[in-house]
Amino acid sequence: MSLFMRAMYVALLAGMLMGCASKPTLPDVPRVEIVEVAVAVPVKCPVSVPGTPERVNSVEARAAAPNVFAAAKLADAGLFQRDQHIKDLVELLEACVK
């Protein structure tokens, strides 16, 4: 064997041994952390929701009004009735939240 071949053989063997001797780096292990999270659970409200009241300003009632002034009064009364119903519903919802 020539001197060059021996040097190549030693270099190859040394490279293989260095490759086997090195320790591979392991990936970082994820850190497991337990976190408690509060979740809202729906609860049935003890208050019963009333149905929609009969409207005083229905299309039939306004059509049957004798004049425009009476129809306008019916429309105004219907708006007041709607606002009152919405106010009642909001109060019921607030009672459920508390």
PDB file of N, CA and C in Angstrom:
ATOM      1  N   MET A   1       0.824  -1.162   0.000  1.00  0.00           N
ATOM      2  CA  MET A   1       0.000   0.000   0.000  1.00  0.00           C
ATOM      3  C   MET A   1       0.878   1.239   0.000  1.00  0.00           C
ATOM      4  N   SER A   2       0.476   2.175  -0.754  1.00  0.00           N
ATOM      5  CA  SER A   2       1.289   3.385  -0.828  1.00  0.00           C
ATOM      6  C   SER A   2       1.001   4.279   0.374  1.00  0.00           C
ATOM      7  N   LEU A   3       1.834   5.192   0.570  1.00  0.00           N
ATOM      8  CA  LEU A   3       1.705   6.112   1.700  1.00  0.00           C
ATOM      9  C   LEU A   3       0.438   6.959   1.563  1.00  0.00           C
ATOM     10  N   PHE A   4       0.111   7.310   0.361  1.00  0.00           N
ATOM     11  CA  PHE A   4      -1.092   8.099   0.122  1.00  0.00           C
ATOM     12  C   PHE A   4      -2.352   7.313   0.469  1.00  0.00           C
ATOM     13  N   MET A   5      -2.386   6.051   0.087  1.00  0.00           N
ATOM     14  CA  MET A   5      -3.538   5.194   0.374  1.00  0.00           C
ATOM     15  C   MET A   5      -3.675   4.971   1.876  1.00  0.00           C
ATOM     16  N   ARG A   6      -2.540   4.811   2.568  1.00  0.00           N
ATOM     17  CA  ARG A   6      -2.611   4.639   4.014  1.00  0.00           C
ATOM     18  C   ARG A   6      -3.155   5.904   4.686  1.00  0.00           C
ATOM     19  N   ALA A   7      -2.728   7.047   4.226  1.00  0.00           N
ATOM     20  CA  ALA A   7      -3.204   8.314   4.792  1.00  0.00           C
ATOM     21  C   ALA A   7      -4.715   8.474   4.544  1.00  0.00           C
ATOM     22  N   MET A   8      -5.161   8.105   3.374  1.00  0.00           N
ATOM     23  CA  MET A   8      -6.598   8.190   3.056  1.00  0.00           C
ATOM     24  C   MET A   8      -7.397   7.215   3.928  1.00  0.00           C
ATOM     25  N   TYR A   9      -6.859   5.998   4.110  1.00  0.00           N
ATOM     26  CA  TYR A   9      -7.508   4.999   4.928  1.00  0.00           C
ATOM     27  C   TYR A   9      -7.614   5.478   6.375  1.00  0.00           C
ATOM     28  N   VAL A  10      -6.561   6.052   6.914  1.00  0.00           N
ATOM     29  CA  VAL A  10      -6.566   6.571   8.288  1.00  0.00           C
ATOM     30  C   VAL A  10      -7.535   7.744   8.400  1.00  0.00           C
ATOM     31  N   ALA A  11      -7.552   8.618   7.407  1.00  0.00           N
ATOM     32  CA  ALA A  11      -8.459   9.772   7.433  1.00  0.00           C
ATOM     33  C   ALA A  11      -9.908   9.310   7.373  1.00  0.00           C
ATOM     34  N   LEU A  12     -10.183   8.299   6.543  1.00  0.00           N
ATOM     35  CA  LEU A  12     -11.528   7.767   6.439  1.00  0.00           C
ATOM     36  C   LEU A  12     -11.951   7.116   7.751  1.00  0.00           C
ATOM     37  N   LEU A  13     -11.079   6.326   8.343  1.00  0.00           N
ATOM     38  CA  LEU A  13     -11.371   5.674   9.609  1.00  0.00           C
ATOM     39  C   LEU A  13     -11.570   6.700  10.719  1.00  0.00           C
ATOM     40  N   ALA A  14     -10.735   7.731  10.755  1.00  0.00           N
ATOM     41  CA  ALA A  14     -10.865   8.783  11.769  1.00  0.00           C
ATOM     42  C   ALA A  14     -12.188   9.535  11.589  1.00  0.00           C
ATOM     43  N   GLY A  15     -12.562   9.786  10.359  1.00  0.00           N
ATOM     44  CA  GLY A  15     -13.834  10.473  10.095  1.00  0.00           C
ATOM     45  C   GLY A  15     -15.020   9.642  10.537  1.00  0.00           C
ATOM     46  N   MET A  16     -14.973   8.344  10.299  1.00  0.00           N
ATOM     47  CA  MET A  16     -16.053   7.466  10.715  1.00  0.00           C
ATOM     48  C   MET A  16     -16.148   7.401  12.230  1.00  0.00           C
ATOM     49  N   LEU A  17     -14.990   7.303  12.900  1.00  0.00           N
ATOM     50  CA  LEU A  17     -14.999   7.256  14.347  1.00  0.00           C
ATOM     51  C   LEU A  17     -15.482   8.578  14.950  1.00  0.00           C
ATOM     52  N   MET A  18     -15.148   9.680  14.343  1.00  0.00           N
ATOM     53  CA  MET A  18     -15.616  10.977  14.845  1.00  0.00           C
ATOM     54  C   MET A  18     -17.125  11.112  14.655  1.00  0.00           C
ATOM     55  N   GLY A  19     -17.618  10.577  13.562  1.00  0.00           N
ATOM     56  CA  GLY A  19     -19.055  10.627  13.325  1.00  0.00           C
ATOM     57  C   GLY A  19     -19.814   9.772  14.320  1.00  0.00           C
ATOM     58  N   CYS A  20     -19.255   8.633  14.678  1.00  0.00           N
ATOM     59  CA  CYS A  20     -19.928   7.764  15.646  1.00  0.00           C
ATOM     60  C   CYS A  20     -19.804   8.304  17.066  1.00  0.00           C
ATOM     61  N   ALA A  21     -18.753   9.036  17.332  1.00  0.00           N
ATOM     62  CA  ALA A  21     -18.509   9.509  18.685  1.00  0.00           C
ATOM     63  C   ALA A  21     -19.344  10.746  19.022  1.00  0.00           C
ATOM     64  N   SER A  22     -19.760  11.462  18.012  1.00  0.00           N
ATOM     65  CA  SER A  22     -20.510  12.679  18.313  1.00  0.00           C
ATOM     66  C   SER A  22     -21.928  12.322  18.764  1.00  0.00           C
ATOM     67  N   LYS A  23     -22.420  13.063  19.711  1.00  0.00           N
ATOM     68  CA  LYS A  23     -23.751  12.794  20.267  1.00  0.00           C
ATOM     69  C   LYS A  23     -24.755  13.685  19.524  1.00  0.00           C
ATOM     70  N   PRO A  24     -25.796  13.093  18.969  1.00  0.00           N
ATOM     71  CA  PRO A  24     -26.770  13.937  18.274  1.00  0.00           C
ATOM     72  C   PRO A  24     -27.563  14.772  19.280  1.00  0.00           C
ATOM     73  N   THR A  25     -27.863  15.978  18.879  1.00  0.00           N
ATOM     74  CA  THR A  25     -28.646  16.836  19.774  1.00  0.00           C
ATOM     75  C   THR A  25     -30.116  16.467  19.644  1.00  0.00           C
ATOM     76  N   LEU A  26     -30.761  16.336  20.781  1.00  0.00           N
ATOM     77  CA  LEU A  26     -32.172  15.995  20.808  1.00  0.00           C
ATOM     78  C   LEU A  26     -33.007  17.272  20.692  1.00  0.00           C
ATOM     79  N   PRO A  27     -34.135  17.173  20.058  1.00  0.00           N
ATOM     80  CA  PRO A  27     -34.979  18.373  19.993  1.00  0.00           C
ATOM     81  C   PRO A  27     -35.486  18.737  21.386  1.00  0.00           C
ATOM     82  N   ASP A  28     -35.771  20.019  21.560  1.00  0.00           N
ATOM     83  CA  ASP A  28     -36.287  20.471  22.856  1.00  0.00           C
ATOM     84  C   ASP A  28     -37.609  19.775  23.149  1.00  0.00           C
ATOM     85  N   VAL A  29     -37.701  19.254  24.351  1.00  0.00           N
ATOM     86  CA  VAL A  29     -38.922  18.571  24.767  1.00  0.00           C
ATOM     87  C   VAL A  29     -39.942  19.640  25.135  1.00  0.00           C
ATOM     88  N   PRO A  30     -41.142  19.557  24.573  1.00  0.00           N
ATOM     89  CA  PRO A  30     -42.136  20.578  24.916  1.00  0.00           C
ATOM     90  C   PRO A  30     -42.520  20.487  26.392  1.00  0.00           C
ATOM     91  N   ARG A  31     -42.654  21.648  26.989  1.00  0.00           N
ATOM     92  CA  ARG A  31     -42.999  21.714  28.398  1.00  0.00           C
ATOM     93  C   ARG A  31     -44.514  21.607  28.547  1.00  0.00           C
ATOM     94  N   VAL A  32     -44.967  20.639  29.290  1.00  0.00           N
ATOM     95  CA  VAL A  32     -46.391  20.435  29.502  1.00  0.00           C
ATOM     96  C   VAL A  32     -46.813  21.274  30.695  1.00  0.00           C
ATOM     97  N   GLU A  33     -47.815  22.111  30.466  1.00  0.00           N
ATOM     98  CA  GLU A  33     -48.280  22.990  31.523  1.00  0.00           C
ATOM     99  C   GLU A  33     -49.796  22.853  31.600  1.00  0.00           C
ATOM    100  N   ILE A  34     -50.311  22.598  32.774  1.00  0.00           N
ATOM    101  CA  ILE A  34     -51.754  22.461  32.955  1.00  0.00           C
ATOM    102  C   ILE A  34     -52.301  23.806  33.397  1.00  0.00           C
ATOM    103  N   VAL A  35     -53.276  24.293  32.621  1.00  0.00           N
ATOM    104  CA  VAL A  35     -53.875  25.593  32.900  1.00  0.00           C
ATOM    105  C   VAL A  35     -55.368  25.391  33.094  1.00  0.00           C
ATOM    106  N   GLU A  36     -55.906  25.953  34.160  1.00  0.00           N
ATOM    107  CA  GLU A  36     -57.339  25.851  34.412  1.00  0.00           C
ATOM    108  C   GLU A  36     -58.032  27.044  33.769  1.00  0.00           C
ATOM    109  N   VAL A  37     -59.042  26.762  32.956  1.00  0.00           N
ATOM    110  CA  VAL A  37     -59.762  27.801  32.235  1.00  0.00           C
ATOM    111  C   VAL A  37     -61.233  27.750  32.643  1.00  0.00           C
ATOM    112  N   ALA A  38     -61.757  28.891  33.023  1.00  0.00           N
ATOM    113  CA  ALA A  38     -63.173  28.961  33.397  1.00  0.00           C
ATOM    114  C   ALA A  38     -64.016  29.045  32.129  1.00  0.00           C
ATOM    115  N   VAL A  39     -65.025  28.196  32.038  1.00  0.00           N
ATOM    116  CA  VAL A  39     -65.899  28.159  30.868  1.00  0.00           C
ATOM    117  C   VAL A  39     -67.318  28.471  31.333  1.00  0.00           C
ATOM    118  N   ALA A  40     -67.969  29.364  30.620  1.00  0.00           N
ATOM    119  CA  ALA A  40     -69.344  29.723  30.968  1.00  0.00           C
ATOM    120  C   ALA A  40     -70.273  28.570  30.600  1.00  0.00           C
ATOM    121  N   VAL A  41     -71.099  28.195  31.545  1.00  0.00           N
ATOM    122  CA  VAL A  41     -72.050  27.109  31.329  1.00  0.00           C
ATOM    123  C   VAL A  41     -73.447  27.717  31.274  1.00  0.00           C
ATOM    124  N   PRO A  42     -74.183  27.447  30.209  1.00  0.00           N
ATOM    125  CA  PRO A  42     -75.528  28.033  30.144  1.00  0.00           C
ATOM    126  C   PRO A  42     -76.441  27.447  31.221  1.00  0.00           C
ATOM    127  N   VAL A  43     -77.147  28.314  31.877  1.00  0.00           N
ATOM    128  CA  VAL A  43     -78.077  27.913  32.931  1.00  0.00           C
ATOM    129  C   VAL A  43     -79.452  28.438  32.547  1.00  0.00           C
ATOM    130  N   LYS A  44     -80.460  27.611  32.731  1.00  0.00           N
ATOM    131  CA  LYS A  44     -81.808  28.038  32.384  1.00  0.00           C
ATOM    132  C   LYS A  44     -82.258  29.135  33.337  1.00  0.00           C
ATOM    133  N   CYS A  45     -82.802  30.186  32.753  1.00  0.00           N
ATOM    134  CA  CYS A  45     -83.275  31.320  33.546  1.00  0.00           C
ATOM    135  C   CYS A  45     -84.586  30.933  34.221  1.00  0.00           C
ATOM    136  N   PRO A  46     -84.716  31.206  35.516  1.00  0.00           N
ATOM    137  CA  PRO A  46     -85.937  30.827  36.215  1.00  0.00           C
ATOM    138  C   PRO A  46     -87.132  31.698  35.847  1.00  0.00           C
ATOM    139  N   VAL A  47     -86.899  32.808  35.159  1.00  0.00           N
ATOM    140  CA  VAL A  47     -87.986  33.722  34.807  1.00  0.00           C
ATOM    141  C   VAL A  47     -88.540  33.319  33.443  1.00  0.00           C
ATOM    142  N   SER A  48     -89.856  33.241  33.332  1.00  0.00           N
ATOM    143  CA  SER A  48     -90.448  32.894  32.038  1.00  0.00           C
ATOM    144  C   SER A  48     -90.618  34.167  31.205  1.00  0.00           C
ATOM    145  N   VAL A  49     -90.312  34.038  29.921  1.00  0.00           N
ATOM    146  CA  VAL A  49     -90.390  35.174  29.009  1.00  0.00           C
ATOM    147  C   VAL A  49     -91.826  35.272  28.488  1.00  0.00           C
ATOM    148  N   PRO A  50     -92.428  36.446  28.592  1.00  0.00           N
ATOM    149  CA  PRO A  50     -93.803  36.587  28.100  1.00  0.00           C
ATOM    150  C   PRO A  50     -93.832  36.591  26.573  1.00  0.00           C
ATOM    151  N   GLY A  51     -94.952  36.221  26.033  1.00  0.00           N
ATOM    152  CA  GLY A  51     -95.118  36.230  24.584  1.00  0.00           C
ATOM    153  C   GLY A  51     -95.275  37.649  24.067  1.00  0.00           C
ATOM    154  N   THR A  52     -95.268  37.771  22.767  1.00  0.00           N
ATOM    155  CA  THR A  52     -95.443  39.075  22.147  1.00  0.00           C
ATOM    156  C   THR A  52     -96.902  39.503  22.314  1.00  0.00           C
ATOM    157  N   PRO A  53     -97.136  40.712  22.830  1.00  0.00           N
ATOM    158  CA  PRO A  53     -98.523  41.150  23.029  1.00  0.00           C
ATOM    159  C   PRO A  53     -99.204  41.461  21.688  1.00  0.00           C
ATOM    160  N   GLU A  54    -100.517  41.471  21.719  1.00  0.00           N
ATOM    161  CA  GLU A  54    -101.288  41.828  20.521  1.00  0.00           C
ATOM    162  C   GLU A  54    -101.060  43.316  20.249  1.00  0.00           C
ATOM    163  N   ARG A  55    -100.646  43.627  19.063  1.00  0.00           N
ATOM    164  CA  ARG A  55    -100.320  45.015  18.724  1.00  0.00           C
ATOM    165  C   ARG A  55    -101.576  45.831  18.434  1.00  0.00           C
ATOM    166  N   VAL A  56    -101.587  47.060  18.967  1.00  0.00           N
ATOM    167  CA  VAL A  56    -102.725  47.937  18.701  1.00  0.00           C
ATOM    168  C   VAL A  56    -102.600  48.614  17.339  1.00  0.00           C
ATOM    169  N   ASN A  57    -101.392  48.613  16.776  1.00  0.00           N
ATOM    170  CA  ASN A  57    -101.195  49.292  15.501  1.00  0.00           C
ATOM    171  C   ASN A  57    -101.029  48.288  14.354  1.00  0.00           C
ATOM    172  N   SER A  58    -101.842  47.271  14.345  1.00  0.00           N
ATOM    173  CA  SER A  58    -101.768  46.294  13.258  1.00  0.00           C
ATOM    174  C   SER A  58    -102.207  46.946  11.955  1.00  0.00           C
ATOM    175  N   VAL A  59    -101.879  46.292  10.870  1.00  0.00           N
ATOM    176  CA  VAL A  59    -102.225  46.827   9.556  1.00  0.00           C
ATOM    177  C   VAL A  59    -103.741  46.939   9.415  1.00  0.00           C
ATOM    178  N   GLU A  60    -104.459  45.938   9.926  1.00  0.00           N
ATOM    179  CA  GLU A  60    -105.916  45.961   9.832  1.00  0.00           C
ATOM    180  C   GLU A  60    -106.500  47.120  10.645  1.00  0.00           C
ATOM    181  N   ALA A  61    -105.948  47.346  11.843  1.00  0.00           N
ATOM    182  CA  ALA A  61    -106.467  48.425  12.696  1.00  0.00           C
ATOM    183  C   ALA A  61    -106.204  49.784  12.062  1.00  0.00           C
ATOM    184  N   ARG A  62    -105.032  49.966  11.475  1.00  0.00           N
ATOM    185  CA  ARG A  62    -104.740  51.253  10.828  1.00  0.00           C
ATOM    186  C   ARG A  62    -105.577  51.449   9.572  1.00  0.00           C
ATOM    187  N   ALA A  63    -105.842  50.347   8.864  1.00  0.00           N
ATOM    188  CA  ALA A  63    -106.680  50.464   7.660  1.00  0.00           C
ATOM    189  C   ALA A  63    -108.124  50.792   8.033  1.00  0.00           C
ATOM    190  N   ALA A  64    -108.562  50.317   9.192  1.00  0.00           N
ATOM    191  CA  ALA A  64    -109.939  50.571   9.622  1.00  0.00           C
ATOM    192  C   ALA A  64    -110.100  51.921  10.310  1.00  0.00           C
ATOM    193  N   ALA A  65    -109.020  52.643  10.526  1.00  0.00           N
ATOM    194  CA  ALA A  65    -109.105  53.945  11.194  1.00  0.00           C
ATOM    195  C   ALA A  65    -109.908  54.917  10.327  1.00  0.00           C
ATOM    196  N   PRO A  66    -110.732  55.755  10.959  1.00  0.00           N
ATOM    197  CA  PRO A  66    -111.594  56.647  10.165  1.00  0.00           C
ATOM    198  C   PRO A  66    -110.840  57.753   9.439  1.00  0.00           C
ATOM    199  N   ASN A  67    -109.700  58.165   9.979  1.00  0.00           N
ATOM    200  CA  ASN A  67    -108.933  59.226   9.300  1.00  0.00           C
ATOM    201  C   ASN A  67    -107.443  59.054   9.600  1.00  0.00           C
ATOM    202  N   VAL A  68    -106.642  59.923   9.020  1.00  0.00           N
ATOM    203  CA  VAL A  68    -105.185  59.839   9.168  1.00  0.00           C
ATOM    204  C   VAL A  68    -104.771  60.114  10.610  1.00  0.00           C
ATOM    205  N   PHE A  69    -105.487  61.029  11.265  1.00  0.00           N
ATOM    206  CA  PHE A  69    -105.149  61.359  12.647  1.00  0.00           C
ATOM    207  C   PHE A  69    -105.314  60.131  13.554  1.00  0.00           C
ATOM    208  N   ALA A  70    -106.372  59.383  13.381  1.00  0.00           N
ATOM    209  CA  ALA A  70    -106.602  58.180  14.187  1.00  0.00           C
ATOM    210  C   ALA A  70    -105.553  57.116  13.877  1.00  0.00           C
ATOM    211  N   ALA A  71    -105.155  56.995  12.599  1.00  0.00           N
ATOM    212  CA  ALA A  71    -104.117  56.032  12.220  1.00  0.00           C
ATOM    213  C   ALA A  71    -102.774  56.422  12.833  1.00  0.00           C
ATOM    214  N   ALA A  72    -102.487  57.737  12.883  1.00  0.00           N
ATOM    215  CA  ALA A  72    -101.241  58.202  13.493  1.00  0.00           C
ATOM    216  C   ALA A  72    -101.244  57.933  14.992  1.00  0.00           C
ATOM    217  N   LYS A  73    -102.403  58.100  15.644  1.00  0.00           N
ATOM    218  CA  LYS A  73    -102.502  57.796  17.071  1.00  0.00           C
ATOM    219  C   LYS A  73    -102.265  56.304  17.326  1.00  0.00           C
ATOM    220  N   LEU A  74    -102.804  55.457  16.447  1.00  0.00           N
ATOM    221  CA  LEU A  74    -102.568  54.015  16.580  1.00  0.00           C
ATOM    222  C   LEU A  74    -101.082  53.684  16.396  1.00  0.00           C
ATOM    223  N   ALA A  75    -100.441  54.329  15.421  1.00  0.00           N
ATOM    224  CA  ALA A  75     -99.012  54.084  15.189  1.00  0.00           C
ATOM    225  C   ALA A  75     -98.194  54.504  16.403  1.00  0.00           C
ATOM    226  N   ASP A  76     -98.542  55.652  16.990  1.00  0.00           N
ATOM    227  CA  ASP A  76     -97.828  56.128  18.178  1.00  0.00           C
ATOM    228  C   ASP A  76     -98.049  55.188  19.361  1.00  0.00           C
ATOM    229  N   ALA A  77     -99.278  54.719  19.522  1.00  0.00           N
ATOM    230  CA  ALA A  77     -99.572  53.786  20.618  1.00  0.00           C
ATOM    231  C   ALA A  77     -98.821  52.465  20.404  1.00  0.00           C
ATOM    232  N   GLY A  78     -98.691  52.037  19.159  1.00  0.00           N
ATOM    233  CA  GLY A  78     -97.948  50.807  18.866  1.00  0.00           C
ATOM    234  C   GLY A  78     -96.472  50.948  19.190  1.00  0.00           C
ATOM    235  N   LEU A  79     -95.889  52.117  18.892  1.00  0.00           N
ATOM    236  CA  LEU A  79     -94.481  52.350  19.239  1.00  0.00           C
ATOM    237  C   LEU A  79     -94.271  52.336  20.743  1.00  0.00           C
ATOM    238  N   PHE A  80     -95.198  52.970  21.472  1.00  0.00           N
ATOM    239  CA  PHE A  80     -95.100  52.965  22.934  1.00  0.00           C
ATOM    240  C   PHE A  80     -95.212  51.539  23.471  1.00  0.00           C
ATOM    241  N   GLN A  81     -96.139  50.772  22.909  1.00  0.00           N
ATOM    242  CA  GLN A  81     -96.337  49.385  23.343  1.00  0.00           C
ATOM    243  C   GLN A  81     -95.076  48.553  23.058  1.00  0.00           C
ATOM    244  N   ARG A  82     -94.470  48.756  21.879  1.00  0.00           N
ATOM    245  CA  ARG A  82     -93.253  48.026  21.543  1.00  0.00           C
ATOM    246  C   ARG A  82     -92.112  48.384  22.485  1.00  0.00           C
ATOM    247  N   ASP A  83     -91.950  49.694  22.753  1.00  0.00           N
ATOM    248  CA  ASP A  83     -90.875  50.127  23.663  1.00  0.00           C
ATOM    249  C   ASP A  83     -91.073  49.554  25.062  1.00  0.00           C
ATOM    250  N   GLN A  84     -92.313  49.498  25.511  1.00  0.00           N
ATOM    251  CA  GLN A  84     -92.594  48.940  26.839  1.00  0.00           C
ATOM    252  C   GLN A  84     -92.272  47.450  26.873  1.00  0.00           C
ATOM    253  N   HIS A  85     -92.613  46.742  25.800  1.00  0.00           N
ATOM    254  CA  HIS A  85     -92.327  45.303  25.738  1.00  0.00           C
ATOM    255  C   HIS A  85     -90.813  45.060  25.743  1.00  0.00           C
ATOM    256  N   ILE A  86     -90.070  45.867  25.002  1.00  0.00           N
ATOM    257  CA  ILE A  86     -88.604  45.736  24.983  1.00  0.00           C
ATOM    258  C   ILE A  86     -88.033  46.030  26.365  1.00  0.00           C
ATOM    259  N   LYS A  87     -88.564  47.049  27.038  1.00  0.00           N
ATOM    260  CA  LYS A  87     -88.104  47.384  28.394  1.00  0.00           C
ATOM    261  C   LYS A  87     -88.354  46.211  29.345  1.00  0.00           C
ATOM    262  N   ASP A  88     -89.523  45.582  29.238  1.00  0.00           N
ATOM    263  CA  ASP A  88     -89.829  44.432  30.086  1.00  0.00           C
ATOM    264  C   ASP A  88     -88.880  43.267  29.811  1.00  0.00           C
ATOM    265  N   LEU A  89     -88.584  43.026  28.541  1.00  0.00           N
ATOM    266  CA  LEU A  89     -87.662  41.938  28.197  1.00  0.00           C
ATOM    267  C   LEU A  89     -86.261  42.207  28.728  1.00  0.00           C
ATOM    268  N   VAL A  90     -85.809  43.453  28.642  1.00  0.00           N
ATOM    269  CA  VAL A  90     -84.477  43.803  29.161  1.00  0.00           C
ATOM    270  C   VAL A  90     -84.428  43.589  30.669  1.00  0.00           C
ATOM    271  N   GLU A  91     -85.495  43.966  31.366  1.00  0.00           N
ATOM    272  CA  GLU A  91     -85.534  43.750  32.816  1.00  0.00           C
ATOM    273  C   GLU A  91     -85.479  42.254  33.151  1.00  0.00           C
ATOM    274  N   LEU A  92     -86.181  41.431  32.381  1.00  0.00           N
ATOM    275  CA  LEU A  92     -86.142  39.991  32.612  1.00  0.00           C
ATOM    276  C   LEU A  92     -84.739  39.429  32.370  1.00  0.00           C
ATOM    277  N   LEU A  93     -84.093  39.899  31.315  1.00  0.00           N
ATOM    278  CA  LEU A  93     -82.726  39.420  31.034  1.00  0.00           C
ATOM    279  C   LEU A  93     -81.751  39.852  32.128  1.00  0.00           C
ATOM    280  N   GLU A  94     -81.904  41.064  32.612  1.00  0.00           N
ATOM    281  CA  GLU A  94     -81.031  41.526  33.693  1.00  0.00           C
ATOM    282  C   GLU A  94     -81.265  40.699  34.961  1.00  0.00           C
ATOM    283  N   ALA A  95     -82.507  40.288  35.195  1.00  0.00           N
ATOM    284  CA  ALA A  95     -82.803  39.460  36.364  1.00  0.00           C
ATOM    285  C   ALA A  95     -82.156  38.082  36.219  1.00  0.00           C
ATOM    286  N   CYS A  96     -82.057  37.592  34.996  1.00  0.00           N
ATOM    287  CA  CYS A  96     -81.407  36.289  34.774  1.00  0.00           C
ATOM    288  C   CYS A  96     -79.904  36.359  34.948  1.00  0.00           C
ATOM    289  N   VAL A  97     -79.317  37.485  34.600  1.00  0.00           N
ATOM    290  CA  VAL A  97     -77.865  37.625  34.693  1.00  0.00           C
ATOM    291  C   VAL A  97     -77.428  37.723  36.140  1.00  0.00           C
ATOM    292  N   LYS A  98     -78.238  38.335  36.964  1.00  0.00           N
ATOM    293  CA  LYS A  98     -77.859  38.517  38.376  1.00  0.00           C
ATOM    294  C   LYS A  98     -77.977  37.246  39.155  1.00  0.00           C
TER     295      LYS A  98
END
